[in-house]
């Protein structure tokens, strides 16, 4: 059997579904840190958890982000304005962002829709 015959008879491995990493969440943490800096706030953001999410038309991620900062009027304003902020993260879309007070710190609950710019799930 020639090499070409062997290649032709070798079964192709089944295609695996493309898994999304936390790239969108990582990009969001960088965007949020820069957004806070432009508002005069120094914040540190840690990814606390991520969970897959899906609707009838989109797939995405729900992320919980822990914020560390020194309290100030600028941070208070930034957190109050954050749910209405435009936070571009490439092809993905921040569909919802909520500030969640937690004992001893502050968290963000964020819904990111994957590939929302292309209108595909």
PDB file of N, CA and C in Angstrom:
ATOM      1  N   UNK A   1       0.849  -1.169   0.000  1.00  0.00           N
ATOM      2  CA  UNK A   1       0.000   0.000   0.000  1.00  0.00           C
ATOM      3  C   UNK A   1       0.901   1.241   0.000  1.00  0.00           C
ATOM      4  N   UNK A   2       0.595   2.134  -0.911  1.00  0.00           N
ATOM      5  CA  UNK A   2       1.389   3.358  -0.999  1.00  0.00           C
ATOM      6  C   UNK A   2       0.993   4.318   0.120  1.00  0.00           C
ATOM      7  N   UNK A   3       1.799   5.331   0.289  1.00  0.00           N
ATOM      8  CA  UNK A   3       1.519   6.338   1.315  1.00  0.00           C
ATOM      9  C   UNK A   3       0.177   7.024   1.053  1.00  0.00           C
ATOM     10  N   UNK A   4      -0.114   7.354  -0.190  1.00  0.00           N
ATOM     11  CA  UNK A   4      -1.375   8.021  -0.525  1.00  0.00           C
ATOM     12  C   UNK A   4      -2.562   7.109  -0.228  1.00  0.00           C
ATOM     13  N   UNK A   5      -2.417   5.818  -0.475  1.00  0.00           N
ATOM     14  CA  UNK A   5      -3.502   4.883  -0.168  1.00  0.00           C
ATOM     15  C   UNK A   5      -3.722   4.797   1.339  1.00  0.00           C
ATOM     16  N   UNK A   6      -2.625   4.774   2.092  1.00  0.00           N
ATOM     17  CA  UNK A   6      -2.766   4.752   3.559  1.00  0.00           C
ATOM     18  C   UNK A   6      -3.462   6.007   4.066  1.00  0.00           C
ATOM     19  N   UNK A   7      -3.093   7.166   3.520  1.00  0.00           N
ATOM     20  CA  UNK A   7      -3.733   8.419   3.940  1.00  0.00           C
ATOM     21  C   UNK A   7      -5.215   8.384   3.594  1.00  0.00           C
ATOM     22  N   UNK A   8      -5.534   7.891   2.405  1.00  0.00           N
ATOM     23  CA  UNK A   8      -6.930   7.844   1.967  1.00  0.00           C
ATOM     24  C   UNK A   8      -7.756   6.916   2.854  1.00  0.00           C
ATOM     25  N   UNK A   9      -7.161   5.873   3.410  1.00  0.00           N
ATOM     26  CA  UNK A   9      -7.897   4.913   4.231  1.00  0.00           C
ATOM     27  C   UNK A   9      -7.823   5.204   5.724  1.00  0.00           C
ATOM     28  N   UNK A  10      -7.079   6.225   6.107  1.00  0.00           N
ATOM     29  CA  UNK A  10      -6.973   6.567   7.523  1.00  0.00           C
ATOM     30  C   UNK A  10      -8.197   7.373   7.921  1.00  0.00           C
ATOM     31  N   UNK A  11      -8.959   6.881   8.900  1.00  0.00           N
ATOM     32  CA  UNK A  11     -10.161   7.634   9.290  1.00  0.00           C
ATOM     33  C   UNK A  11      -9.769   8.970   9.925  1.00  0.00           C
ATOM     34  N   UNK A  12     -10.538   9.984   9.591  1.00  0.00           N
ATOM     35  CA  UNK A  12     -10.317  11.308  10.169  1.00  0.00           C
ATOM     36  C   UNK A  12     -10.928  11.339  11.568  1.00  0.00           C
ATOM     37  N   UNK A  13     -10.247  11.952  12.517  1.00  0.00           N
ATOM     38  CA  UNK A  13     -10.831  12.058  13.851  1.00  0.00           C
ATOM     39  C   UNK A  13     -12.086  12.930  13.800  1.00  0.00           C
ATOM     40  N   UNK A  14     -13.025  12.611  14.651  1.00  0.00           N
ATOM     41  CA  UNK A  14     -14.264  13.387  14.699  1.00  0.00           C
ATOM     42  C   UNK A  14     -13.946  14.815  15.121  1.00  0.00           C
ATOM     43  N   UNK A  15     -14.629  15.754  14.487  1.00  0.00           N
ATOM     44  CA  UNK A  15     -14.418  17.157  14.844  1.00  0.00           C
ATOM     45  C   UNK A  15     -14.941  17.407  16.252  1.00  0.00           C
ATOM     46  N   UNK A  16     -14.118  18.064  17.033  1.00  0.00           N
ATOM     47  CA  UNK A  16     -14.535  18.398  18.390  1.00  0.00           C
ATOM     48  C   UNK A  16     -15.167  19.787  18.388  1.00  0.00           C
ATOM     49  N   UNK A  17     -16.172  20.000  19.213  1.00  0.00           N
ATOM     50  CA  UNK A  17     -16.755  21.336  19.259  1.00  0.00           C
ATOM     51  C   UNK A  17     -15.722  22.353  19.742  1.00  0.00           C
ATOM     52  N   UNK A  18     -15.787  23.531  19.174  1.00  0.00           N
ATOM     53  CA  UNK A  18     -14.857  24.592  19.557  1.00  0.00           C
ATOM     54  C   UNK A  18     -15.258  25.124  20.925  1.00  0.00           C
ATOM     55  N   UNK A  19     -14.360  24.997  21.872  1.00  0.00           N
ATOM     56  CA  UNK A  19     -14.633  25.492  23.214  1.00  0.00           C
ATOM     57  C   UNK A  19     -14.081  26.891  23.347  1.00  0.00           C
ATOM     58  N   UNK A  20     -14.876  27.764  23.922  1.00  0.00           N
ATOM     59  CA  UNK A  20     -14.416  29.133  24.156  1.00  0.00           C
ATOM     60  C   UNK A  20     -13.667  29.166  25.474  1.00  0.00           C
ATOM     61  N   UNK A  21     -12.537  29.793  25.489  1.00  0.00           N
ATOM     62  CA  UNK A  21     -11.818  29.982  26.740  1.00  0.00           C
ATOM     63  C   UNK A  21     -12.396  31.212  27.417  1.00  0.00           C
ATOM     64  N   UNK A  22     -11.749  31.656  28.456  1.00  0.00           N
ATOM     65  CA  UNK A  22     -12.193  32.855  29.152  1.00  0.00           C
ATOM     66  C   UNK A  22     -11.630  34.111  28.503  1.00  0.00           C
ATOM     67  N   UNK A  23     -11.284  34.053  27.208  1.00  0.00           N
ATOM     68  CA  UNK A  23     -10.702  35.212  26.538  1.00  0.00           C
ATOM     69  C   UNK A  23     -11.582  36.443  26.683  1.00  0.00           C
ATOM     70  N   UNK A  24     -12.893  36.292  26.490  1.00  0.00           N
ATOM     71  CA  UNK A  24     -13.802  37.430  26.617  1.00  0.00           C
ATOM     72  C   UNK A  24     -13.787  38.009  28.015  1.00  0.00           C
ATOM     73  N   UNK A  25     -13.720  37.153  29.025  1.00  0.00           N
ATOM     74  CA  UNK A  25     -13.683  37.610  30.414  1.00  0.00           C
ATOM     75  C   UNK A  25     -12.340  38.275  30.700  1.00  0.00           C
ATOM     76  N   UNK A  26     -11.259  37.703  30.194  1.00  0.00           N
ATOM     77  CA  UNK A  26      -9.941  38.314  30.375  1.00  0.00           C
ATOM     78  C   UNK A  26      -9.887  39.686  29.713  1.00  0.00           C
ATOM     79  N   UNK A  27     -10.417  39.776  28.486  1.00  0.00           N
ATOM     80  CA  UNK A  27     -10.453  41.084  27.803  1.00  0.00           C
ATOM     81  C   UNK A  27     -11.293  42.066  28.603  1.00  0.00           C
ATOM     82  N   UNK A  28     -12.418  41.596  29.133  1.00  0.00           N
ATOM     83  CA  UNK A  28     -13.284  42.480  29.911  1.00  0.00           C
ATOM     84  C   UNK A  28     -12.570  43.021  31.143  1.00  0.00           C
ATOM     85  N   UNK A  29     -11.784  42.201  31.823  1.00  0.00           N
ATOM     86  CA  UNK A  29     -11.079  42.702  33.012  1.00  0.00           C
ATOM     87  C   UNK A  29     -10.097  43.805  32.625  1.00  0.00           C
ATOM     88  N   UNK A  30      -9.433  43.655  31.478  1.00  0.00           N
ATOM     89  CA  UNK A  30      -8.521  44.706  31.022  1.00  0.00           C
ATOM     90  C   UNK A  30      -9.285  45.979  30.656  1.00  0.00           C
ATOM     91  N   UNK A  31     -10.426  45.820  29.972  1.00  0.00           N
ATOM     92  CA  UNK A  31     -11.245  46.971  29.581  1.00  0.00           C
ATOM     93  C   UNK A  31     -11.788  47.678  30.817  1.00  0.00           C
ATOM     94  N   UNK A  32     -12.263  46.910  31.799  1.00  0.00           N
ATOM     95  CA  UNK A  32     -12.783  47.512  33.029  1.00  0.00           C
ATOM     96  C   UNK A  32     -11.703  48.264  33.803  1.00  0.00           C
ATOM     97  N   UNK A  33     -10.510  47.687  33.875  1.00  0.00           N
ATOM     98  CA  UNK A  33      -9.408  48.348  34.577  1.00  0.00           C
ATOM     99  C   UNK A  33      -9.066  49.673  33.902  1.00  0.00           C
ATOM    100  N   UNK A  34      -9.015  49.688  32.567  1.00  0.00           N
ATOM    101  CA  UNK A  34      -8.723  50.917  31.829  1.00  0.00           C
ATOM    102  C   UNK A  34      -9.870  51.923  31.982  1.00  0.00           C
ATOM    103  N   UNK A  35     -11.109  51.439  31.947  1.00  0.00           N
ATOM    104  CA  UNK A  35     -12.288  52.302  32.107  1.00  0.00           C
ATOM    105  C   UNK A  35     -12.255  52.965  33.480  1.00  0.00           C
ATOM    106  N   UNK A  36     -11.922  52.206  34.499  1.00  0.00           N
ATOM    107  CA  UNK A  36     -11.824  52.751  35.853  1.00  0.00           C
ATOM    108  C   UNK A  36     -10.706  53.790  35.936  1.00  0.00           C
ATOM    109  N   UNK A  37      -9.577  53.512  35.314  1.00  0.00           N
ATOM    110  CA  UNK A  37      -8.447  54.447  35.344  1.00  0.00           C
ATOM    111  C   UNK A  37      -8.825  55.775  34.701  1.00  0.00           C
ATOM    112  N   UNK A  38      -9.577  55.722  33.578  1.00  0.00           N
ATOM    113  CA  UNK A  38     -10.013  56.963  32.929  1.00  0.00           C
ATOM    114  C   UNK A  38     -10.957  57.757  33.830  1.00  0.00           C
ATOM    115  N   UNK A  39     -11.653  57.057  34.744  1.00  0.00           N
ATOM    116  CA  UNK A  39     -12.551  57.725  35.693  1.00  0.00           C
ATOM    117  C   UNK A  39     -11.812  58.152  36.965  1.00  0.00           C
ATOM    118  N   UNK A  40     -10.502  57.948  36.997  1.00  0.00           N
ATOM    119  CA  UNK A  40      -9.709  58.347  38.156  1.00  0.00           C
ATOM    120  C   UNK A  40      -9.714  57.334  39.283  1.00  0.00           C
ATOM    121  N   UNK A  41      -9.986  56.071  38.957  1.00  0.00           N
ATOM    122  CA  UNK A  41     -10.062  55.017  39.972  1.00  0.00           C
ATOM    123  C   UNK A  41      -8.996  53.958  39.712  1.00  0.00           C
ATOM    124  N   UNK A  42      -8.365  53.520  40.768  1.00  0.00           N
ATOM    125  CA  UNK A  42      -7.425  52.406  40.674  1.00  0.00           C
ATOM    126  C   UNK A  42      -8.124  51.179  41.240  1.00  0.00           C
ATOM    127  N   UNK A  43      -8.418  50.211  40.364  1.00  0.00           N
ATOM    128  CA  UNK A  43      -9.083  48.989  40.816  1.00  0.00           C
ATOM    129  C   UNK A  43      -8.271  47.782  40.376  1.00  0.00           C
ATOM    130  N   UNK A  44      -8.383  46.738  41.156  1.00  0.00           N
ATOM    131  CA  UNK A  44      -7.812  45.444  40.810  1.00  0.00           C
ATOM    132  C   UNK A  44      -8.989  44.500  40.627  1.00  0.00           C
ATOM    133  N   UNK A  45      -8.951  43.704  39.573  1.00  0.00           N
ATOM    134  CA  UNK A  45     -10.084  42.829  39.258  1.00  0.00           C
ATOM    135  C   UNK A  45      -9.595  41.395  39.163  1.00  0.00           C
ATOM    136  N   UNK A  46     -10.269  40.515  39.905  1.00  0.00           N
ATOM    137  CA  UNK A  46      -9.972  39.079  39.858  1.00  0.00           C
ATOM    138  C   UNK A  46     -11.208  38.338  39.375  1.00  0.00           C
ATOM    139  N   UNK A  47     -10.990  37.347  38.525  1.00  0.00           N
ATOM    140  CA  UNK A  47     -12.095  36.507  38.067  1.00  0.00           C
ATOM    141  C   UNK A  47     -12.401  35.513  39.176  1.00  0.00           C
ATOM    142  N   UNK A  48     -13.593  35.612  39.729  1.00  0.00           N
ATOM    143  CA  UNK A  48     -13.980  34.710  40.811  1.00  0.00           C
ATOM    144  C   UNK A  48     -14.616  33.439  40.253  1.00  0.00           C
ATOM    145  N   UNK A  49     -15.477  33.574  39.248  1.00  0.00           N
ATOM    146  CA  UNK A  49     -16.090  32.385  38.643  1.00  0.00           C
ATOM    147  C   UNK A  49     -16.599  32.717  37.248  1.00  0.00           C
ATOM    148  N   UNK A  50     -16.708  31.676  36.425  1.00  0.00           N
ATOM    149  CA  UNK A  50     -17.328  31.791  35.105  1.00  0.00           C
ATOM    150  C   UNK A  50     -18.218  30.575  34.903  1.00  0.00           C
ATOM    151  N   UNK A  51     -19.352  30.806  34.261  1.00  0.00           N
ATOM    152  CA  UNK A  51     -20.279  29.712  33.951  1.00  0.00           C
ATOM    153  C   UNK A  51     -20.799  29.902  32.541  1.00  0.00           C
ATOM    154  N   UNK A  52     -20.949  28.815  31.793  1.00  0.00           N
ATOM    155  CA  UNK A  52     -21.533  28.932  30.460  1.00  0.00           C
ATOM    156  C   UNK A  52     -22.987  29.386  30.562  1.00  0.00           C
ATOM    157  N   UNK A  53     -23.426  30.085  29.540  1.00  0.00           N
ATOM    158  CA  UNK A  53     -24.798  30.594  29.491  1.00  0.00           C
ATOM    159  C   UNK A  53     -25.281  30.475  28.056  1.00  0.00           C
ATOM    160  N   UNK A  54     -26.580  30.265  27.880  1.00  0.00           N
ATOM    161  CA  UNK A  54     -27.141  30.210  26.525  1.00  0.00           C
ATOM    162  C   UNK A  54     -28.589  30.662  26.548  1.00  0.00           C
ATOM    163  N   UNK A  55     -28.996  31.293  25.447  1.00  0.00           N
ATOM    164  CA  UNK A  55     -30.396  31.640  25.221  1.00  0.00           C
ATOM    165  C   UNK A  55     -30.779  30.997  23.892  1.00  0.00           C
ATOM    166  N   UNK A  56     -31.932  31.320  23.379  1.00  0.00           N
ATOM    167  CA  UNK A  56     -32.354  30.757  22.101  1.00  0.00           C
ATOM    168  C   UNK A  56     -31.475  31.227  20.950  1.00  0.00           C
ATOM    169  N   UNK A  57     -30.865  32.406  21.078  1.00  0.00           N
ATOM    170  CA  UNK A  57     -30.098  32.953  19.969  1.00  0.00           C
ATOM    171  C   UNK A  57     -28.617  33.183  20.252  1.00  0.00           C
ATOM    172  N   UNK A  58     -28.199  33.180  21.507  1.00  0.00           N
ATOM    173  CA  UNK A  58     -26.814  33.480  21.825  1.00  0.00           C
ATOM    174  C   UNK A  58     -26.239  32.479  22.817  1.00  0.00           C
ATOM    175  N   UNK A  59     -24.928  32.363  22.791  1.00  0.00           N
ATOM    176  CA  UNK A  59     -24.207  31.637  23.830  1.00  0.00           C
ATOM    177  C   UNK A  59     -23.283  32.640  24.491  1.00  0.00           C
ATOM    178  N   UNK A  60     -22.864  32.324  25.689  1.00  0.00           N
ATOM    179  CA  UNK A  60     -21.979  33.257  26.360  1.00  0.00           C
ATOM    180  C   UNK A  60     -21.509  32.743  27.695  1.00  0.00           C
ATOM    181  N   UNK A  61     -21.156  33.694  28.540  1.00  0.00           N
ATOM    182  CA  UNK A  61     -20.585  33.402  29.845  1.00  0.00           C
ATOM    183  C   UNK A  61     -21.153  34.363  30.869  1.00  0.00           C
ATOM    184  N   UNK A  62     -21.460  33.827  32.035  1.00  0.00           N
ATOM    185  CA  UNK A  62     -21.767  34.670  33.182  1.00  0.00           C
ATOM    186  C   UNK A  62     -20.522  34.639  34.055  1.00  0.00           C
ATOM    187  N   UNK A  63     -19.967  35.810  34.313  1.00  0.00           N
ATOM    188  CA  UNK A  63     -18.738  35.897  35.101  1.00  0.00           C
ATOM    189  C   UNK A  63     -18.999  36.694  36.372  1.00  0.00           C
ATOM    190  N   UNK A  64     -18.374  36.261  37.444  1.00  0.00           N
ATOM    191  CA  UNK A  64     -18.366  37.022  38.686  1.00  0.00           C
ATOM    192  C   UNK A  64     -16.946  37.522  38.884  1.00  0.00           C
ATOM    193  N   UNK A  65     -16.818  38.840  38.976  1.00  0.00           N
ATOM    194  CA  UNK A  65     -15.516  39.481  39.114  1.00  0.00           C
ATOM    195  C   UNK A  65     -15.433  40.166  40.468  1.00  0.00           C
ATOM    196  N   UNK A  66     -14.359  39.934  41.181  1.00  0.00           N
ATOM    197  CA  UNK A  66     -14.134  40.575  42.480  1.00  0.00           C
ATOM    198  C   UNK A  66     -13.311  41.835  42.273  1.00  0.00           C
ATOM    199  N   UNK A  67     -13.763  42.938  42.859  1.00  0.00           N
ATOM    200  CA  UNK A  67     -13.060  44.213  42.756  1.00  0.00           C
ATOM    201  C   UNK A  67     -12.355  44.526  44.054  1.00  0.00           C
ATOM    202  N   UNK A  68     -11.151  45.040  43.936  1.00  0.00           N
ATOM    203  CA  UNK A  68     -10.406  45.538  45.086  1.00  0.00           C
ATOM    204  C   UNK A  68     -10.057  46.986  44.783  1.00  0.00           C
ATOM    205  N   UNK A  69     -10.379  47.886  45.707  1.00  0.00           N
ATOM    206  CA  UNK A  69     -10.115  49.305  45.497  1.00  0.00           C
ATOM    207  C   UNK A  69     -10.130  50.016  46.837  1.00  0.00           C
ATOM    208  N   UNK A  70      -9.594  51.232  46.821  1.00  0.00           N
ATOM    209  CA  UNK A  70      -9.680  52.102  47.984  1.00  0.00           C
ATOM    210  C   UNK A  70     -10.935  52.940  47.808  1.00  0.00           C
ATOM    211  N   UNK A  71     -11.870  52.892  48.762  1.00  0.00           N
ATOM    212  CA  UNK A  71     -13.104  53.659  48.612  1.00  0.00           C
ATOM    213  C   UNK A  71     -12.829  55.155  48.408  1.00  0.00           C
ATOM    214  N   UNK A  72     -13.567  55.744  47.483  1.00  0.00           N
ATOM    215  CA  UNK A  72     -13.453  57.171  47.199  1.00  0.00           C
ATOM    216  C   UNK A  72     -14.712  57.613  46.467  1.00  0.00           C
ATOM    217  N   UNK A  73     -14.963  58.917  46.415  1.00  0.00           N
ATOM    218  CA  UNK A  73     -16.116  59.395  45.638  1.00  0.00           C
ATOM    219  C   UNK A  73     -16.017  59.008  44.161  1.00  0.00           C
ATOM    220  N   UNK A  74     -14.795  59.000  43.601  1.00  0.00           N
ATOM    221  CA  UNK A  74     -14.626  58.615  42.192  1.00  0.00           C
ATOM    222  C   UNK A  74     -15.038  57.164  41.961  1.00  0.00           C
ATOM    223  N   UNK A  75     -14.672  56.269  42.867  1.00  0.00           N
ATOM    224  CA  UNK A  75     -15.051  54.858  42.740  1.00  0.00           C
ATOM    225  C   UNK A  75     -16.565  54.702  42.877  1.00  0.00           C
ATOM    226  N   UNK A  76     -17.160  55.418  43.805  1.00  0.00           N
ATOM    227  CA  UNK A  76     -18.615  55.371  43.997  1.00  0.00           C
ATOM    228  C   UNK A  76     -19.330  55.794  42.718  1.00  0.00           C
ATOM    229  N   UNK A  77     -18.864  56.885  42.078  1.00  0.00           N
ATOM    230  CA  UNK A  77     -19.468  57.344  40.811  1.00  0.00           C
ATOM    231  C   UNK A  77     -19.251  56.317  39.712  1.00  0.00           C
ATOM    232  N   UNK A  78     -18.019  55.785  39.630  1.00  0.00           N
ATOM    233  CA  UNK A  78     -17.716  54.811  38.581  1.00  0.00           C
ATOM    234  C   UNK A  78     -18.612  53.582  38.704  1.00  0.00           C
ATOM    235  N   UNK A  79     -18.769  53.055  39.918  1.00  0.00           N
ATOM    236  CA  UNK A  79     -19.625  51.882  40.127  1.00  0.00           C
ATOM    237  C   UNK A  79     -21.077  52.195  39.812  1.00  0.00           C
ATOM    238  N   UNK A  80     -21.533  53.396  40.157  1.00  0.00           N
ATOM    239  CA  UNK A  80     -22.926  53.772  39.880  1.00  0.00           C
ATOM    240  C   UNK A  80     -23.183  53.880  38.373  1.00  0.00           C
ATOM    241  N   UNK A  81     -22.183  54.361  37.615  1.00  0.00           N
ATOM    242  CA  UNK A  81     -22.342  54.545  36.171  1.00  0.00           C
ATOM    243  C   UNK A  81     -22.037  53.285  35.361  1.00  0.00           C
ATOM    244  N   UNK A  82     -21.397  52.313  35.965  1.00  0.00           N
ATOM    245  CA  UNK A  82     -20.915  51.134  35.249  1.00  0.00           C
ATOM    246  C   UNK A  82     -22.007  50.335  34.517  1.00  0.00           C
ATOM    247  N   UNK A  83     -23.188  50.113  35.098  1.00  0.00           N
ATOM    248  CA  UNK A  83     -24.193  49.332  34.364  1.00  0.00           C
ATOM    249  C   UNK A  83     -24.619  49.941  33.027  1.00  0.00           C
ATOM    250  N   UNK A  84     -24.438  51.240  32.843  1.00  0.00           N
ATOM    251  CA  UNK A  84     -24.808  51.893  31.580  1.00  0.00           C
ATOM    252  C   UNK A  84     -23.614  52.144  30.668  1.00  0.00           C
ATOM    253  N   UNK A  85     -22.422  51.741  31.092  1.00  0.00           N
ATOM    254  CA  UNK A  85     -21.208  52.018  30.323  1.00  0.00           C
ATOM    255  C   UNK A  85     -21.130  51.159  29.064  1.00  0.00           C
ATOM    256  N   UNK A  86     -20.534  51.732  28.022  1.00  0.00           N
ATOM    257  CA  UNK A  86     -20.248  50.995  26.791  1.00  0.00           C
ATOM    258  C   UNK A  86     -18.856  50.401  26.954  1.00  0.00           C
ATOM    259  N   UNK A  87     -18.781  49.074  27.003  1.00  0.00           N
ATOM    260  CA  UNK A  87     -17.511  48.388  27.249  1.00  0.00           C
ATOM    261  C   UNK A  87     -17.202  47.466  26.072  1.00  0.00           C
ATOM    262  N   UNK A  88     -16.524  47.982  25.041  1.00  0.00           N
ATOM    263  CA  UNK A  88     -16.235  47.166  23.861  1.00  0.00           C
ATOM    264  C   UNK A  88     -15.183  46.096  24.163  1.00  0.00           C
ATOM    265  N   UNK A  89     -15.513  44.848  23.818  1.00  0.00           N
ATOM    266  CA  UNK A  89     -14.562  43.740  24.022  1.00  0.00           C
ATOM    267  C   UNK A  89     -14.473  42.871  22.771  1.00  0.00           C
ATOM    268  N   UNK A  90     -14.232  43.509  21.656  1.00  0.00           N
ATOM    269  CA  UNK A  90     -14.071  42.763  20.406  1.00  0.00           C
ATOM    270  C   UNK A  90     -15.393  42.268  19.867  1.00  0.00           C
ATOM    271  N   UNK A  91     -15.421  41.012  19.418  1.00  0.00           N
ATOM    272  CA  UNK A  91     -16.635  40.430  18.835  1.00  0.00           C
ATOM    273  C   UNK A  91     -17.705  40.190  19.879  1.00  0.00           C
ATOM    274  N   UNK A  92     -17.297  40.063  21.141  1.00  0.00           N
ATOM    275  CA  UNK A  92     -18.235  39.746  22.208  1.00  0.00           C
ATOM    276  C   UNK A  92     -18.928  41.016  22.687  1.00  0.00           C
ATOM    277  N   UNK A  93     -20.020  40.822  23.410  1.00  0.00           N
ATOM    278  CA  UNK A  93     -20.845  41.938  23.863  1.00  0.00           C
ATOM    279  C   UNK A  93     -21.142  41.792  25.346  1.00  0.00           C
ATOM    280  N   UNK A  94     -20.953  42.871  26.087  1.00  0.00           N
ATOM    281  CA  UNK A  94     -21.365  42.885  27.490  1.00  0.00           C
ATOM    282  C   UNK A  94     -22.861  43.163  27.472  1.00  0.00           C
ATOM    283  N   UNK A  95     -23.660  42.125  27.686  1.00  0.00           N
ATOM    284  CA  UNK A  95     -25.112  42.254  27.624  1.00  0.00           C
ATOM    285  C   UNK A  95     -25.696  42.806  28.916  1.00  0.00           C
ATOM    286  N   UNK A  96     -25.041  42.514  30.040  1.00  0.00           N
ATOM    287  CA  UNK A  96     -25.537  42.989  31.327  1.00  0.00           C
ATOM    288  C   UNK A  96     -24.377  43.025  32.305  1.00  0.00           C
ATOM    289  N   UNK A  97     -24.382  44.044  33.147  1.00  0.00           N
ATOM    290  CA  UNK A  97     -23.375  44.144  34.192  1.00  0.00           C
ATOM    291  C   UNK A  97     -24.052  44.729  35.422  1.00  0.00           C
ATOM    292  N   UNK A  98     -23.867  44.063  36.540  1.00  0.00           N
ATOM    293  CA  UNK A  98     -24.487  44.507  37.785  1.00  0.00           C
ATOM    294  C   UNK A  98     -23.449  44.540  38.895  1.00  0.00           C
ATOM    295  N   UNK A  99     -23.524  45.577  39.709  1.00  0.00           N
ATOM    296  CA  UNK A  99     -22.655  45.697  40.874  1.00  0.00           C
ATOM    297  C   UNK A  99     -23.334  44.963  42.015  1.00  0.00           C
ATOM    298  N   UNK A 100     -22.624  44.019  42.616  1.00  0.00           N
ATOM    299  CA  UNK A 100     -23.176  43.192  43.686  1.00  0.00           C
ATOM    300  C   UNK A 100     -22.362  43.419  44.956  1.00  0.00           C
ATOM    301  N   UNK A 101     -22.934  44.134  45.932  1.00  0.00           N
ATOM    302  CA  UNK A 101     -22.194  44.291  47.187  1.00  0.00           C
ATOM    303  C   UNK A 101     -22.031  42.927  47.846  1.00  0.00           C
ATOM    304  N   UNK A 102     -20.860  42.690  48.370  1.00  0.00           N
ATOM    305  CA  UNK A 102     -20.578  41.431  49.053  1.00  0.00           C
ATOM    306  C   UNK A 102     -19.883  41.766  50.368  1.00  0.00           C
ATOM    307  N   UNK A 103     -19.988  40.904  51.358  1.00  0.00           N
ATOM    308  CA  UNK A 103     -19.327  41.185  52.637  1.00  0.00           C
ATOM    309  C   UNK A 103     -17.825  41.410  52.453  1.00  0.00           C
ATOM    310  N   UNK A 104     -17.369  42.580  52.814  1.00  0.00           N
ATOM    311  CA  UNK A 104     -15.949  42.875  52.758  1.00  0.00           C
ATOM    312  C   UNK A 104     -15.415  43.291  51.405  1.00  0.00           C
ATOM    313  N   UNK A 105     -16.222  43.192  50.357  1.00  0.00           N
ATOM    314  CA  UNK A 105     -15.737  43.620  49.050  1.00  0.00           C
ATOM    315  C   UNK A 105     -16.910  43.933  48.133  1.00  0.00           C
ATOM    316  N   UNK A 106     -16.621  44.031  46.863  1.00  0.00           N
ATOM    317  CA  UNK A 106     -17.629  44.346  45.859  1.00  0.00           C
ATOM    318  C   UNK A 106     -17.376  43.421  44.671  1.00  0.00           C
ATOM    319  N   UNK A 107     -18.444  42.924  44.083  1.00  0.00           N
ATOM    320  CA  UNK A 107     -18.322  42.051  42.922  1.00  0.00           C
ATOM    321  C   UNK A 107     -19.135  42.604  41.770  1.00  0.00           C
ATOM    322  N   UNK A 108     -18.779  42.178  40.585  1.00  0.00           N
ATOM    323  CA  UNK A 108     -19.552  42.461  39.393  1.00  0.00           C
ATOM    324  C   UNK A 108     -20.075  41.141  38.855  1.00  0.00           C
ATOM    325  N   UNK A 109     -21.335  41.135  38.474  1.00  0.00           N
ATOM    326  CA  UNK A 109     -21.909  39.998  37.774  1.00  0.00           C
ATOM    327  C   UNK A 109     -22.094  40.455  36.330  1.00  0.00           C
ATOM    328  N   UNK A 110     -21.454  39.736  35.398  1.00  0.00           N
ATOM    329  CA  UNK A 110     -21.415  40.187  34.012  1.00  0.00           C
ATOM    330  C   UNK A 110     -21.883  39.072  33.089  1.00  0.00           C
ATOM    331  N   UNK A 111     -22.759  39.417  32.145  1.00  0.00           N
ATOM    332  CA  UNK A 111     -23.188  38.489  31.107  1.00  0.00           C
ATOM    333  C   UNK A 111     -22.526  38.919  29.806  1.00  0.00           C
ATOM    334  N   UNK A 112     -21.723  38.023  29.249  1.00  0.00           N
ATOM    335  CA  UNK A 112     -21.024  38.282  27.989  1.00  0.00           C
ATOM    336  C   UNK A 112     -21.617  37.361  26.929  1.00  0.00           C
ATOM    337  N   UNK A 113     -22.076  37.945  25.821  1.00  0.00           N
ATOM    338  CA  UNK A 113     -22.566  37.153  24.693  1.00  0.00           C
ATOM    339  C   UNK A 113     -21.418  36.970  23.705  1.00  0.00           C
ATOM    340  N   UNK A 114     -21.161  35.725  23.347  1.00  0.00           N
ATOM    341  CA  UNK A 114     -20.076  35.410  22.401  1.00  0.00           C
ATOM    342  C   UNK A 114     -20.468  35.780  20.989  1.00  0.00           C
ATOM    343  N   UNK A 115     -19.532  36.323  20.243  1.00  0.00           N
ATOM    344  CA  UNK A 115     -19.707  36.621  18.826  1.00  0.00           C
ATOM    345  C   UNK A 115     -20.968  37.412  18.538  1.00  0.00           C
ATOM    346  N   UNK A 116     -21.376  38.254  19.436  1.00  0.00           N
ATOM    347  CA  UNK A 116     -22.607  39.021  19.266  1.00  0.00           C
ATOM    348  C   UNK A 116     -22.484  40.019  18.116  1.00  0.00           C
ATOM    349  N   UNK A 117     -21.290  40.468  17.820  1.00  0.00           N
ATOM    350  CA  UNK A 117     -21.094  41.424  16.737  1.00  0.00           C
ATOM    351  C   UNK A 117     -21.454  40.796  15.392  1.00  0.00           C
ATOM    352  N   UNK A 118     -21.311  39.470  15.297  1.00  0.00           N
ATOM    353  CA  UNK A 118     -21.642  38.775  14.051  1.00  0.00           C
ATOM    354  C   UNK A 118     -23.082  38.287  14.032  1.00  0.00           C
ATOM    355  N   UNK A 119     -23.786  38.439  15.135  1.00  0.00           N
ATOM    356  CA  UNK A 119     -25.167  37.992  15.214  1.00  0.00           C
ATOM    357  C   UNK A 119     -25.317  36.487  15.215  1.00  0.00           C
ATOM    358  N   UNK A 120     -24.270  35.773  15.591  1.00  0.00           N
ATOM    359  CA  UNK A 120     -24.364  34.314  15.598  1.00  0.00           C
ATOM    360  C   UNK A 120     -24.133  33.771  17.001  1.00  0.00           C
ATOM    361  N   UNK A 121     -24.615  32.582  17.226  1.00  0.00           N
ATOM    362  CA  UNK A 121     -24.472  31.946  18.535  1.00  0.00           C
ATOM    363  C   UNK A 121     -23.208  31.157  18.602  1.00  0.00           C
TER     364      UNK A 121
END
